[in-house]
Amino acid sequence: MKKMMLLGALLVCTAAVGYAQESRQDVSASAYGLFGPEVHGAAGVTENTTGALGFLGSYRYSVTPRSGLEVNYSFLQNSDRYSNPSFGVNKLYVHARQQEISGAYVYSRNYKRYNPFLEVGVGGMIFSPIRDFGTQVLSLKQNTNIGALFGGGMAYEISPSFDIRVEYRAFLLKAPDFGYANFKTNRYEVLSMPAVGIAYHF
């Protein structure tokens, strides 16, 4: 009898630990779009980020049922368009790789299968010029700009292990200039990055 009770208690503890582990961590993979404003800087310089699609990967650890910590990595290729009075009517383009590495605090709620959440954090955005026909200035340098991440979204549980995640993410940072004086706006911009993907809980 004691052995049966001990075995039962062990099974309950194992199930509880398994449930806690399942509900505390998740990884997600998402597709996201990039939309940027037109930035008007000093001396008539303007910068515009063209729209693009990219990949976002995230790992989230739930510290409590409502609070979590998240790390993110995103990647895409897009073009930045610059104008300057010294260019005349011409505009110059930079084809670039854009990578995000960020960390955020996530606050979430649970309403049956629906889990809305808000997030805020900091990170770096790495802009690397690609030397091809899409880049019209060769003497450009990589920019790493530190900024603030914020946003929110909704996760819909499709099974105990998977959910569909839809979110709006935004990144506030200084507009990139690629180390080129004629591209320098000295202004900040907000990049909008709506995303949709799937998360796996473990």
N, C-alpha and C. Protein backbone atom coordinates (compact mmCIF):
# COMPACT_ATOMS: atom_id res chain seq x y z
N MET A 1 0.82 -1.21 0.00
CA MET A 1 0.00 0.00 0.00
C MET A 1 0.86 1.26 0.00
N LYS A 2 1.91 1.24 0.84
CA LYS A 2 2.81 2.39 0.89
C LYS A 2 3.51 2.59 -0.44
N LYS A 3 3.85 1.47 -1.08
CA LYS A 3 4.51 1.57 -2.39
C LYS A 3 3.58 2.19 -3.42
N MET A 4 2.29 1.78 -3.36
CA MET A 4 1.32 2.34 -4.30
C MET A 4 1.12 3.84 -4.06
N MET A 5 1.06 4.26 -2.80
CA MET A 5 0.90 5.67 -2.48
C MET A 5 2.13 6.47 -2.93
N LEU A 6 3.31 5.89 -2.71
CA LEU A 6 4.54 6.55 -3.12
C LEU A 6 4.60 6.69 -4.64
N LEU A 7 4.18 5.63 -5.34
CA LEU A 7 4.17 5.67 -6.80
C LEU A 7 3.17 6.72 -7.32
N GLY A 8 2.00 6.76 -6.68
CA GLY A 8 1.00 7.76 -7.08
C GLY A 8 1.49 9.18 -6.86
N ALA A 9 2.13 9.43 -5.71
CA ALA A 9 2.67 10.76 -5.43
C ALA A 9 3.76 11.13 -6.43
N LEU A 10 4.58 10.15 -6.79
CA LEU A 10 5.64 10.39 -7.76
C LEU A 10 5.07 10.74 -9.13
N LEU A 11 4.01 10.04 -9.54
CA LEU A 11 3.38 10.34 -10.82
C LEU A 11 2.76 11.74 -10.84
N VAL A 12 2.12 12.13 -9.73
CA VAL A 12 1.52 13.46 -9.64
C VAL A 12 2.60 14.54 -9.73
N CYS A 13 3.71 14.33 -9.01
CA CYS A 13 4.82 15.30 -9.04
C CYS A 13 5.43 15.40 -10.43
N THR A 14 5.59 14.25 -11.08
CA THR A 14 6.16 14.24 -12.43
C THR A 14 5.25 14.99 -13.40
N ALA A 15 3.94 14.74 -13.29
CA ALA A 15 3.00 15.44 -14.17
C ALA A 15 3.01 16.94 -13.91
N ALA A 16 3.10 17.32 -12.62
CA ALA A 16 3.12 18.74 -12.29
C ALA A 16 4.37 19.41 -12.82
N VAL A 17 5.51 18.74 -12.68
CA VAL A 17 6.76 19.29 -13.20
C VAL A 17 6.70 19.41 -14.72
N GLY A 18 6.17 18.37 -15.38
CA GLY A 18 6.04 18.41 -16.83
C GLY A 18 5.14 19.53 -17.29
N TYR A 19 4.03 19.75 -16.54
CA TYR A 19 3.12 20.84 -16.91
C TYR A 19 3.80 22.20 -16.71
N ALA A 20 4.52 22.34 -15.62
CA ALA A 20 5.20 23.61 -15.35
C ALA A 20 6.24 23.90 -16.42
N GLN A 21 6.97 22.86 -16.81
CA GLN A 21 7.99 23.07 -17.84
C GLN A 21 7.33 23.44 -19.17
N GLU A 22 6.20 22.75 -19.47
CA GLU A 22 5.53 23.01 -20.74
C GLU A 22 5.02 24.45 -20.80
N SER A 23 4.50 24.95 -19.69
CA SER A 23 3.88 26.26 -19.71
C SER A 23 4.86 27.41 -19.52
N ARG A 24 6.12 27.10 -19.22
CA ARG A 24 7.06 28.18 -18.88
C ARG A 24 7.92 28.63 -20.06
N GLN A 25 8.05 27.84 -21.10
CA GLN A 25 8.96 28.20 -22.20
C GLN A 25 8.27 28.00 -23.55
N ASP A 26 8.65 28.82 -24.51
CA ASP A 26 8.20 28.57 -25.88
C ASP A 26 9.20 29.19 -26.85
N VAL A 27 9.22 28.64 -28.04
CA VAL A 27 9.98 29.20 -29.15
C VAL A 27 9.00 29.46 -30.28
N SER A 28 9.23 30.50 -31.05
CA SER A 28 8.32 30.83 -32.14
C SER A 28 9.10 31.22 -33.38
N ALA A 29 8.48 30.98 -34.51
CA ALA A 29 9.01 31.39 -35.81
C ALA A 29 7.92 32.15 -36.53
N SER A 30 8.24 33.34 -37.02
CA SER A 30 7.24 34.21 -37.63
C SER A 30 7.77 34.85 -38.90
N ALA A 31 6.85 35.18 -39.78
CA ALA A 31 7.14 36.05 -40.91
C ALA A 31 6.69 37.45 -40.52
N TYR A 32 7.48 38.45 -40.89
CA TYR A 32 7.08 39.81 -40.54
C TYR A 32 7.35 40.77 -41.69
N GLY A 33 6.61 41.85 -41.69
CA GLY A 33 6.79 42.89 -42.69
C GLY A 33 7.45 44.10 -42.07
N LEU A 34 8.19 44.83 -42.87
CA LEU A 34 8.87 46.04 -42.41
C LEU A 34 8.30 47.25 -43.15
N PHE A 35 7.88 48.25 -42.37
CA PHE A 35 7.36 49.50 -42.93
C PHE A 35 8.00 50.66 -42.17
N GLY A 36 8.59 51.58 -42.91
CA GLY A 36 9.25 52.70 -42.27
C GLY A 36 8.76 54.03 -42.79
N PRO A 37 8.83 55.08 -41.99
CA PRO A 37 8.37 56.41 -42.43
C PRO A 37 9.44 57.09 -43.28
N GLU A 38 9.08 58.19 -43.88
CA GLU A 38 10.07 59.03 -44.54
C GLU A 38 10.63 59.98 -43.48
N VAL A 39 11.95 59.97 -43.33
CA VAL A 39 12.61 60.77 -42.30
C VAL A 39 13.20 62.02 -42.94
N HIS A 40 12.83 63.18 -42.43
CA HIS A 40 13.35 64.45 -42.93
C HIS A 40 14.37 64.99 -41.94
N GLY A 41 15.61 65.09 -42.38
CA GLY A 41 16.69 65.51 -41.50
C GLY A 41 17.22 66.90 -41.81
N ALA A 42 18.35 67.18 -41.20
CA ALA A 42 18.99 68.48 -41.38
C ALA A 42 19.50 68.62 -42.81
N ALA A 43 19.61 69.85 -43.25
CA ALA A 43 20.17 70.19 -44.56
C ALA A 43 19.43 69.53 -45.72
N GLY A 44 18.14 69.24 -45.52
CA GLY A 44 17.33 68.72 -46.61
C GLY A 44 17.52 67.26 -46.93
N VAL A 45 18.22 66.50 -46.06
CA VAL A 45 18.43 65.07 -46.30
C VAL A 45 17.17 64.30 -45.90
N THR A 46 16.73 63.37 -46.73
CA THR A 46 15.60 62.50 -46.39
C THR A 46 16.01 61.04 -46.56
N GLU A 47 15.39 60.21 -45.73
CA GLU A 47 15.65 58.76 -45.79
C GLU A 47 14.33 58.04 -45.75
N ASN A 48 14.21 57.00 -46.57
CA ASN A 48 12.98 56.22 -46.62
C ASN A 48 13.33 54.75 -46.69
N THR A 49 12.70 53.97 -45.81
CA THR A 49 12.91 52.52 -45.80
C THR A 49 11.84 51.86 -46.65
N THR A 50 12.25 51.10 -47.65
CA THR A 50 11.27 50.41 -48.49
C THR A 50 10.73 49.20 -47.75
N GLY A 51 9.50 48.81 -48.08
CA GLY A 51 8.88 47.66 -47.44
C GLY A 51 9.58 46.36 -47.81
N ALA A 52 9.54 45.40 -46.89
CA ALA A 52 10.19 44.11 -47.15
C ALA A 52 9.59 43.06 -46.22
N LEU A 53 9.84 41.79 -46.52
CA LEU A 53 9.42 40.68 -45.68
C LEU A 53 10.64 40.01 -45.08
N GLY A 54 10.52 39.55 -43.83
CA GLY A 54 11.66 38.92 -43.17
C GLY A 54 11.25 37.80 -42.23
N PHE A 55 12.23 37.27 -41.51
CA PHE A 55 12.03 36.17 -40.57
C PHE A 55 12.30 36.66 -39.16
N LEU A 56 11.46 36.24 -38.20
CA LEU A 56 11.63 36.55 -36.79
C LEU A 56 11.60 35.28 -35.98
N GLY A 57 12.63 35.07 -35.16
CA GLY A 57 12.66 33.95 -34.23
C GLY A 57 12.71 34.46 -32.80
N SER A 58 11.94 33.85 -31.89
CA SER A 58 11.87 34.32 -30.51
C SER A 58 11.90 33.15 -29.54
N TYR A 59 12.48 33.40 -28.37
CA TYR A 59 12.42 32.46 -27.25
C TYR A 59 11.84 33.21 -26.06
N ARG A 60 10.82 32.64 -25.43
CA ARG A 60 10.14 33.31 -24.31
C ARG A 60 10.14 32.39 -23.10
N TYR A 61 10.49 32.95 -21.95
CA TYR A 61 10.49 32.22 -20.68
C TYR A 61 9.54 32.92 -19.72
N SER A 62 8.53 32.19 -19.23
CA SER A 62 7.54 32.76 -18.32
C SER A 62 8.06 32.69 -16.89
N VAL A 63 8.33 33.83 -16.29
CA VAL A 63 8.79 33.91 -14.90
C VAL A 63 7.62 33.67 -13.96
N THR A 64 6.44 34.24 -14.29
CA THR A 64 5.19 34.01 -13.58
C THR A 64 4.12 33.77 -14.63
N PRO A 65 2.89 33.39 -14.23
CA PRO A 65 1.84 33.19 -15.25
C PRO A 65 1.57 34.42 -16.11
N ARG A 66 1.91 35.64 -15.63
CA ARG A 66 1.61 36.85 -16.41
C ARG A 66 2.86 37.58 -16.90
N SER A 67 4.01 37.24 -16.39
CA SER A 67 5.24 37.97 -16.75
C SER A 67 6.25 37.03 -17.38
N GLY A 68 6.89 37.50 -18.45
CA GLY A 68 7.89 36.69 -19.12
C GLY A 68 9.02 37.53 -19.67
N LEU A 69 10.09 36.85 -20.04
CA LEU A 69 11.25 37.47 -20.67
C LEU A 69 11.42 36.85 -22.04
N GLU A 70 11.79 37.67 -23.01
CA GLU A 70 11.88 37.21 -24.39
C GLU A 70 13.14 37.72 -25.04
N VAL A 71 13.76 36.88 -25.88
CA VAL A 71 14.87 37.31 -26.72
C VAL A 71 14.46 37.06 -28.17
N ASN A 72 14.90 37.97 -29.05
CA ASN A 72 14.47 37.93 -30.45
C ASN A 72 15.65 38.08 -31.40
N TYR A 73 15.50 37.43 -32.55
CA TYR A 73 16.43 37.65 -33.66
C TYR A 73 15.60 37.75 -34.92
N SER A 74 15.84 38.78 -35.72
CA SER A 74 15.14 38.91 -36.99
C SER A 74 16.12 39.23 -38.10
N PHE A 75 15.71 38.91 -39.33
CA PHE A 75 16.58 39.09 -40.49
C PHE A 75 15.73 39.40 -41.71
N LEU A 76 16.18 40.37 -42.51
CA LEU A 76 15.59 40.62 -43.82
C LEU A 76 16.57 41.41 -44.67
N GLN A 77 16.23 41.54 -45.95
CA GLN A 77 16.97 42.41 -46.86
C GLN A 77 16.00 43.45 -47.42
N ASN A 78 16.44 44.69 -47.44
CA ASN A 78 15.60 45.75 -47.99
C ASN A 78 16.47 46.84 -48.57
N SER A 79 15.85 47.90 -49.04
CA SER A 79 16.58 49.03 -49.60
C SER A 79 16.21 50.31 -48.86
N ASP A 80 17.21 51.13 -48.60
CA ASP A 80 17.00 52.47 -48.04
C ASP A 80 17.24 53.48 -49.16
N ARG A 81 16.32 54.43 -49.27
CA ARG A 81 16.41 55.44 -50.33
C ARG A 81 16.73 56.79 -49.70
N TYR A 82 17.73 57.48 -50.25
CA TYR A 82 18.17 58.77 -49.71
C TYR A 82 18.09 59.85 -50.78
N SER A 83 17.74 61.05 -50.32
CA SER A 83 17.83 62.23 -51.19
C SER A 83 18.56 63.32 -50.43
N ASN A 84 19.24 64.16 -51.18
CA ASN A 84 20.06 65.22 -50.61
C ASN A 84 20.11 66.34 -51.66
N PRO A 85 20.01 67.61 -51.25
CA PRO A 85 20.09 68.68 -52.26
C PRO A 85 21.32 68.57 -53.15
N SER A 86 22.40 68.00 -52.62
CA SER A 86 23.62 67.86 -53.44
C SER A 86 23.46 66.81 -54.54
N PHE A 87 22.42 65.92 -54.42
CA PHE A 87 22.19 64.92 -55.46
C PHE A 87 21.35 65.48 -56.61
N GLY A 88 20.80 66.69 -56.46
CA GLY A 88 19.86 67.21 -57.44
C GLY A 88 18.54 66.46 -57.32
N VAL A 89 17.97 66.06 -58.45
CA VAL A 89 16.70 65.33 -58.43
C VAL A 89 16.91 63.83 -58.24
N ASN A 90 18.14 63.39 -58.21
CA ASN A 90 18.44 61.96 -58.08
C ASN A 90 18.24 61.47 -56.65
N LYS A 91 17.95 60.19 -56.54
CA LYS A 91 17.89 59.52 -55.24
C LYS A 91 18.87 58.36 -55.27
N LEU A 92 19.55 58.14 -54.14
CA LEU A 92 20.51 57.05 -54.06
C LEU A 92 19.95 55.93 -53.18
N TYR A 93 20.22 54.70 -53.60
CA TYR A 93 19.68 53.53 -52.90
C TYR A 93 20.82 52.73 -52.27
N VAL A 94 20.48 52.12 -51.12
CA VAL A 94 21.41 51.20 -50.45
C VAL A 94 20.67 49.88 -50.23
N HIS A 95 21.14 48.81 -50.84
CA HIS A 95 20.61 47.47 -50.59
C HIS A 95 21.32 46.94 -49.35
N ALA A 96 20.55 46.54 -48.32
CA ALA A 96 21.18 46.21 -47.04
C ALA A 96 20.53 44.99 -46.38
N ARG A 97 21.33 44.30 -45.58
CA ARG A 97 20.82 43.29 -44.66
C ARG A 97 20.50 43.98 -43.33
N GLN A 98 19.34 43.65 -42.79
CA GLN A 98 18.93 44.25 -41.53
C GLN A 98 18.68 43.13 -40.52
N GLN A 99 19.40 43.16 -39.41
CA GLN A 99 19.27 42.14 -38.38
C GLN A 99 18.94 42.80 -37.03
N GLU A 100 18.04 42.17 -36.30
CA GLU A 100 17.66 42.65 -34.97
C GLU A 100 18.06 41.62 -33.92
N ILE A 101 18.67 42.10 -32.85
CA ILE A 101 18.91 41.29 -31.66
C ILE A 101 18.35 42.08 -30.49
N SER A 102 17.34 41.54 -29.81
CA SER A 102 16.67 42.31 -28.77
C SER A 102 16.20 41.43 -27.63
N GLY A 103 15.93 42.08 -26.50
CA GLY A 103 15.34 41.42 -25.34
C GLY A 103 14.19 42.25 -24.84
N ALA A 104 13.15 41.59 -24.30
CA ALA A 104 11.95 42.32 -23.90
C ALA A 104 11.30 41.68 -22.68
N TYR A 105 10.57 42.51 -21.95
CA TYR A 105 9.66 42.05 -20.89
C TYR A 105 8.29 41.89 -21.52
N VAL A 106 7.62 40.77 -21.22
CA VAL A 106 6.31 40.48 -21.81
C VAL A 106 5.28 40.32 -20.70
N TYR A 107 4.19 41.07 -20.80
CA TYR A 107 3.06 40.93 -19.87
C TYR A 107 1.91 40.31 -20.64
N SER A 108 1.36 39.21 -20.12
CA SER A 108 0.31 38.51 -20.84
C SER A 108 -0.85 38.16 -19.91
N ARG A 109 -2.01 37.92 -20.52
CA ARG A 109 -3.21 37.48 -19.82
C ARG A 109 -3.73 36.23 -20.51
N ASN A 110 -4.63 35.52 -19.81
CA ASN A 110 -5.16 34.28 -20.34
C ASN A 110 -6.68 34.30 -20.29
N TYR A 111 -7.31 34.17 -21.47
CA TYR A 111 -8.76 34.09 -21.57
C TYR A 111 -9.10 32.86 -22.41
N LYS A 112 -9.17 31.71 -21.73
CA LYS A 112 -9.38 30.42 -22.39
C LYS A 112 -8.29 30.20 -23.45
N ARG A 113 -8.66 30.18 -24.73
CA ARG A 113 -7.66 29.94 -25.77
C ARG A 113 -6.95 31.21 -26.22
N TYR A 114 -7.41 32.37 -25.79
CA TYR A 114 -6.85 33.64 -26.23
C TYR A 114 -5.89 34.19 -25.18
N ASN A 115 -4.71 34.60 -25.63
CA ASN A 115 -3.70 35.11 -24.72
C ASN A 115 -3.13 36.43 -25.26
N PRO A 116 -3.75 37.57 -24.94
CA PRO A 116 -3.18 38.85 -25.37
C PRO A 116 -1.93 39.18 -24.57
N PHE A 117 -1.03 39.94 -25.17
CA PHE A 117 0.21 40.28 -24.48
C PHE A 117 0.72 41.64 -24.96
N LEU A 118 1.52 42.27 -24.10
CA LEU A 118 2.24 43.50 -24.40
C LEU A 118 3.72 43.27 -24.14
N GLU A 119 4.59 43.96 -24.87
CA GLU A 119 6.02 43.79 -24.64
C GLU A 119 6.75 45.11 -24.81
N VAL A 120 7.84 45.24 -24.05
CA VAL A 120 8.70 46.42 -24.15
C VAL A 120 10.12 45.97 -23.84
N GLY A 121 11.09 46.51 -24.59
CA GLY A 121 12.47 46.09 -24.38
C GLY A 121 13.46 46.96 -25.12
N VAL A 122 14.69 46.48 -25.19
CA VAL A 122 15.76 47.19 -25.87
C VAL A 122 16.49 46.21 -26.79
N GLY A 123 17.21 46.77 -27.75
CA GLY A 123 17.97 45.90 -28.64
C GLY A 123 18.79 46.70 -29.62
N GLY A 124 19.43 45.97 -30.50
CA GLY A 124 20.25 46.58 -31.53
C GLY A 124 19.76 46.17 -32.90
N MET A 125 19.84 47.11 -33.84
CA MET A 125 19.51 46.84 -35.23
C MET A 125 20.79 47.02 -36.04
N ILE A 126 21.18 45.97 -36.75
CA ILE A 126 22.43 45.96 -37.51
C ILE A 126 22.10 46.14 -38.99
N PHE A 127 22.62 47.20 -39.58
CA PHE A 127 22.41 47.50 -41.00
C PHE A 127 23.73 47.25 -41.74
N SER A 128 23.74 46.28 -42.63
CA SER A 128 24.97 45.92 -43.37
C SER A 128 24.76 46.15 -44.86
N PRO A 129 25.48 47.10 -45.46
CA PRO A 129 25.30 47.35 -46.90
C PRO A 129 25.78 46.16 -47.74
N ILE A 130 25.02 45.86 -48.78
CA ILE A 130 25.38 44.79 -49.70
C ILE A 130 25.94 45.44 -50.97
N ARG A 131 27.13 45.07 -51.33
CA ARG A 131 27.78 45.68 -52.50
C ARG A 131 27.33 44.94 -53.77
N ASP A 132 26.20 45.38 -54.30
CA ASP A 132 25.68 44.83 -55.55
C ASP A 132 25.06 45.97 -56.36
N PHE A 133 24.30 45.63 -57.38
CA PHE A 133 23.74 46.67 -58.25
C PHE A 133 22.66 47.49 -57.54
N GLY A 134 22.16 47.02 -56.39
CA GLY A 134 21.17 47.77 -55.65
C GLY A 134 21.75 48.83 -54.74
N THR A 135 23.08 48.87 -54.63
CA THR A 135 23.75 49.86 -53.79
C THR A 135 24.55 50.79 -54.69
N GLN A 136 24.27 52.09 -54.58
CA GLN A 136 24.85 53.06 -55.52
C GLN A 136 26.03 53.83 -54.94
N VAL A 137 26.39 53.55 -53.69
CA VAL A 137 27.58 54.16 -53.08
C VAL A 137 28.41 53.02 -52.51
N LEU A 138 29.69 52.96 -52.88
CA LEU A 138 30.51 51.83 -52.49
C LEU A 138 31.19 51.99 -51.13
N SER A 139 31.48 53.22 -50.72
CA SER A 139 32.25 53.44 -49.49
C SER A 139 31.34 53.55 -48.27
N LEU A 140 30.48 52.54 -48.07
CA LEU A 140 29.55 52.56 -46.95
C LEU A 140 30.02 51.61 -45.86
N LYS A 141 29.58 51.88 -44.63
CA LYS A 141 29.97 51.06 -43.48
C LYS A 141 28.73 50.49 -42.79
N GLN A 142 28.95 49.42 -42.05
CA GLN A 142 27.88 48.81 -41.27
C GLN A 142 27.50 49.72 -40.11
N ASN A 143 26.19 49.85 -39.86
CA ASN A 143 25.67 50.58 -38.71
C ASN A 143 25.09 49.60 -37.71
N THR A 144 25.33 49.82 -36.42
CA THR A 144 24.63 49.11 -35.36
C THR A 144 23.98 50.17 -34.48
N ASN A 145 22.66 50.28 -34.57
CA ASN A 145 21.94 51.32 -33.86
C ASN A 145 21.13 50.71 -32.72
N ILE A 146 21.31 51.24 -31.51
CA ILE A 146 20.59 50.77 -30.34
C ILE A 146 19.25 51.49 -30.25
N GLY A 147 18.21 50.76 -29.90
CA GLY A 147 16.89 51.37 -29.82
C GLY A 147 15.96 50.67 -28.87
N ALA A 148 14.70 51.08 -28.87
CA ALA A 148 13.67 50.54 -27.98
C ALA A 148 12.65 49.75 -28.78
N LEU A 149 12.29 48.59 -28.24
CA LEU A 149 11.28 47.73 -28.85
C LEU A 149 9.99 47.83 -28.04
N PHE A 150 8.84 47.91 -28.73
CA PHE A 150 7.57 47.89 -28.02
C PHE A 150 6.50 47.33 -28.95
N GLY A 151 5.42 46.84 -28.36
CA GLY A 151 4.35 46.29 -29.18
C GLY A 151 3.41 45.43 -28.37
N GLY A 152 2.58 44.69 -29.08
CA GLY A 152 1.61 43.81 -28.44
C GLY A 152 0.99 42.90 -29.46
N GLY A 153 0.25 41.91 -28.97
CA GLY A 153 -0.35 40.97 -29.90
C GLY A 153 -1.29 40.00 -29.21
N MET A 154 -1.61 38.94 -29.94
CA MET A 154 -2.53 37.92 -29.46
C MET A 154 -2.02 36.55 -29.86
N ALA A 155 -2.04 35.62 -28.90
CA ALA A 155 -1.73 34.22 -29.19
C ALA A 155 -3.02 33.41 -29.06
N TYR A 156 -3.29 32.56 -30.03
CA TYR A 156 -4.47 31.69 -30.00
C TYR A 156 -4.02 30.25 -29.90
N GLU A 157 -4.41 29.58 -28.85
CA GLU A 157 -3.97 28.20 -28.60
C GLU A 157 -4.72 27.24 -29.50
N ILE A 158 -3.97 26.49 -30.33
CA ILE A 158 -4.59 25.48 -31.18
C ILE A 158 -4.41 24.08 -30.63
N SER A 159 -3.49 23.92 -29.65
CA SER A 159 -3.29 22.67 -28.93
C SER A 159 -2.48 23.02 -27.68
N PRO A 160 -2.34 22.07 -26.72
CA PRO A 160 -1.53 22.38 -25.55
C PRO A 160 -0.08 22.76 -25.87
N SER A 161 0.42 22.35 -27.02
CA SER A 161 1.81 22.60 -27.37
C SER A 161 2.01 23.72 -28.39
N PHE A 162 0.98 24.09 -29.12
CA PHE A 162 1.15 25.06 -30.21
C PHE A 162 0.13 26.19 -30.12
N ASP A 163 0.55 27.37 -30.52
CA ASP A 163 -0.39 28.47 -30.70
C ASP A 163 0.02 29.31 -31.91
N ILE A 164 -0.97 30.01 -32.44
CA ILE A 164 -0.74 30.95 -33.53
C ILE A 164 -0.58 32.33 -32.90
N ARG A 165 0.44 33.06 -33.31
CA ARG A 165 0.77 34.34 -32.69
C ARG A 165 0.72 35.44 -33.75
N VAL A 166 -0.06 36.47 -33.47
CA VAL A 166 -0.15 37.65 -34.33
C VAL A 166 0.23 38.86 -33.47
N GLU A 167 1.15 39.68 -33.97
CA GLU A 167 1.59 40.81 -33.14
C GLU A 167 2.02 42.00 -33.99
N TYR A 168 1.94 43.16 -33.35
CA TYR A 168 2.51 44.37 -33.93
C TYR A 168 3.75 44.72 -33.10
N ARG A 169 4.89 44.85 -33.77
CA ARG A 169 6.13 45.20 -33.11
C ARG A 169 6.64 46.50 -33.74
N ALA A 170 7.26 47.33 -32.92
CA ALA A 170 7.82 48.58 -33.43
C ALA A 170 9.18 48.79 -32.79
N PHE A 171 10.07 49.43 -33.52
CA PHE A 171 11.43 49.66 -33.06
C PHE A 171 11.77 51.13 -33.26
N LEU A 172 12.07 51.82 -32.17
CA LEU A 172 12.48 53.22 -32.22
C LEU A 172 13.99 53.30 -32.22
N LEU A 173 14.57 53.92 -33.24
CA LEU A 173 16.02 54.00 -33.36
C LEU A 173 16.42 55.16 -34.26
N LYS A 174 17.70 55.47 -34.26
CA LYS A 174 18.22 56.52 -35.13
C LYS A 174 18.28 55.99 -36.57
N ALA A 175 17.87 56.82 -37.51
CA ALA A 175 17.88 56.42 -38.91
C ALA A 175 19.31 56.11 -39.35
N PRO A 176 19.54 55.01 -40.06
CA PRO A 176 20.89 54.63 -40.47
C PRO A 176 21.47 55.59 -41.51
N ASP A 177 22.77 55.81 -41.44
CA ASP A 177 23.44 56.65 -42.45
C ASP A 177 24.60 55.92 -43.12
N PHE A 178 24.91 54.70 -42.65
CA PHE A 178 25.96 53.87 -43.24
C PHE A 178 27.32 54.58 -43.27
N GLY A 179 27.54 55.47 -42.32
CA GLY A 179 28.82 56.16 -42.22
C GLY A 179 29.10 57.13 -43.35
N TYR A 180 28.05 57.57 -44.04
CA TYR A 180 28.20 58.47 -45.20
C TYR A 180 27.55 59.81 -44.85
N ALA A 181 28.34 60.89 -44.89
CA ALA A 181 27.86 62.20 -44.42
C ALA A 181 26.63 62.67 -45.18
N ASN A 182 26.53 62.38 -46.47
CA ASN A 182 25.39 62.84 -47.26
C ASN A 182 24.10 62.09 -46.95
N PHE A 183 24.18 60.98 -46.15
CA PHE A 183 23.00 60.23 -45.74
C PHE A 183 22.59 60.55 -44.30
N LYS A 184 23.29 61.43 -43.63
CA LYS A 184 23.07 61.66 -42.20
C LYS A 184 21.87 62.58 -41.98
N THR A 185 20.84 62.07 -41.30
CA THR A 185 19.65 62.87 -40.99
C THR A 185 19.67 63.38 -39.54
N ASN A 186 20.38 62.67 -38.65
CA ASN A 186 20.37 62.99 -37.21
C ASN A 186 18.95 62.99 -36.65
N ARG A 187 18.12 62.10 -37.15
CA ARG A 187 16.74 61.98 -36.69
C ARG A 187 16.45 60.52 -36.30
N TYR A 188 15.40 60.37 -35.48
CA TYR A 188 14.96 59.04 -35.08
C TYR A 188 13.73 58.64 -35.88
N GLU A 189 13.53 57.34 -36.04
CA GLU A 189 12.37 56.83 -36.75
C GLU A 189 11.80 55.63 -36.02
N VAL A 190 10.54 55.32 -36.31
CA VAL A 190 9.89 54.14 -35.76
C VAL A 190 9.63 53.17 -36.91
N LEU A 191 10.29 52.02 -36.86
CA LEU A 191 10.06 50.98 -37.86
C LEU A 191 8.91 50.10 -37.38
N SER A 192 7.89 49.94 -38.21
CA SER A 192 6.75 49.07 -37.88
C SER A 192 7.01 47.69 -38.44
N MET A 193 6.80 46.66 -37.57
CA MET A 193 7.13 45.29 -37.96
C MET A 193 6.02 44.32 -37.54
N PRO A 194 4.86 44.34 -38.19
CA PRO A 194 3.81 43.37 -37.86
C PRO A 194 4.26 41.96 -38.23
N ALA A 195 3.88 40.99 -37.39
CA ALA A 195 4.36 39.62 -37.57
C ALA A 195 3.24 38.61 -37.32
N VAL A 196 3.31 37.47 -37.99
CA VAL A 196 2.42 36.36 -37.74
C VAL A 196 3.24 35.09 -37.81
N GLY A 197 2.99 34.17 -36.84
CA GLY A 197 3.79 32.96 -36.80
C GLY A 197 3.18 31.92 -35.90
N ILE A 198 3.97 30.91 -35.59
CA ILE A 198 3.53 29.81 -34.74
C ILE A 198 4.54 29.59 -33.63
N ALA A 199 4.04 29.27 -32.43
CA ALA A 199 4.90 29.06 -31.27
C ALA A 199 4.72 27.64 -30.75
N TYR A 200 5.82 27.07 -30.27
CA TYR A 200 5.81 25.73 -29.67
C TYR A 200 6.17 25.86 -28.20
N HIS A 201 5.32 25.31 -27.32
CA HIS A 201 5.52 25.38 -25.87
C HIS A 201 6.15 24.09 -25.37
N PHE A 202 7.10 24.22 -24.47
CA PHE A 202 7.74 23.02 -23.91
C PHE A 202 8.16 23.26 -22.47
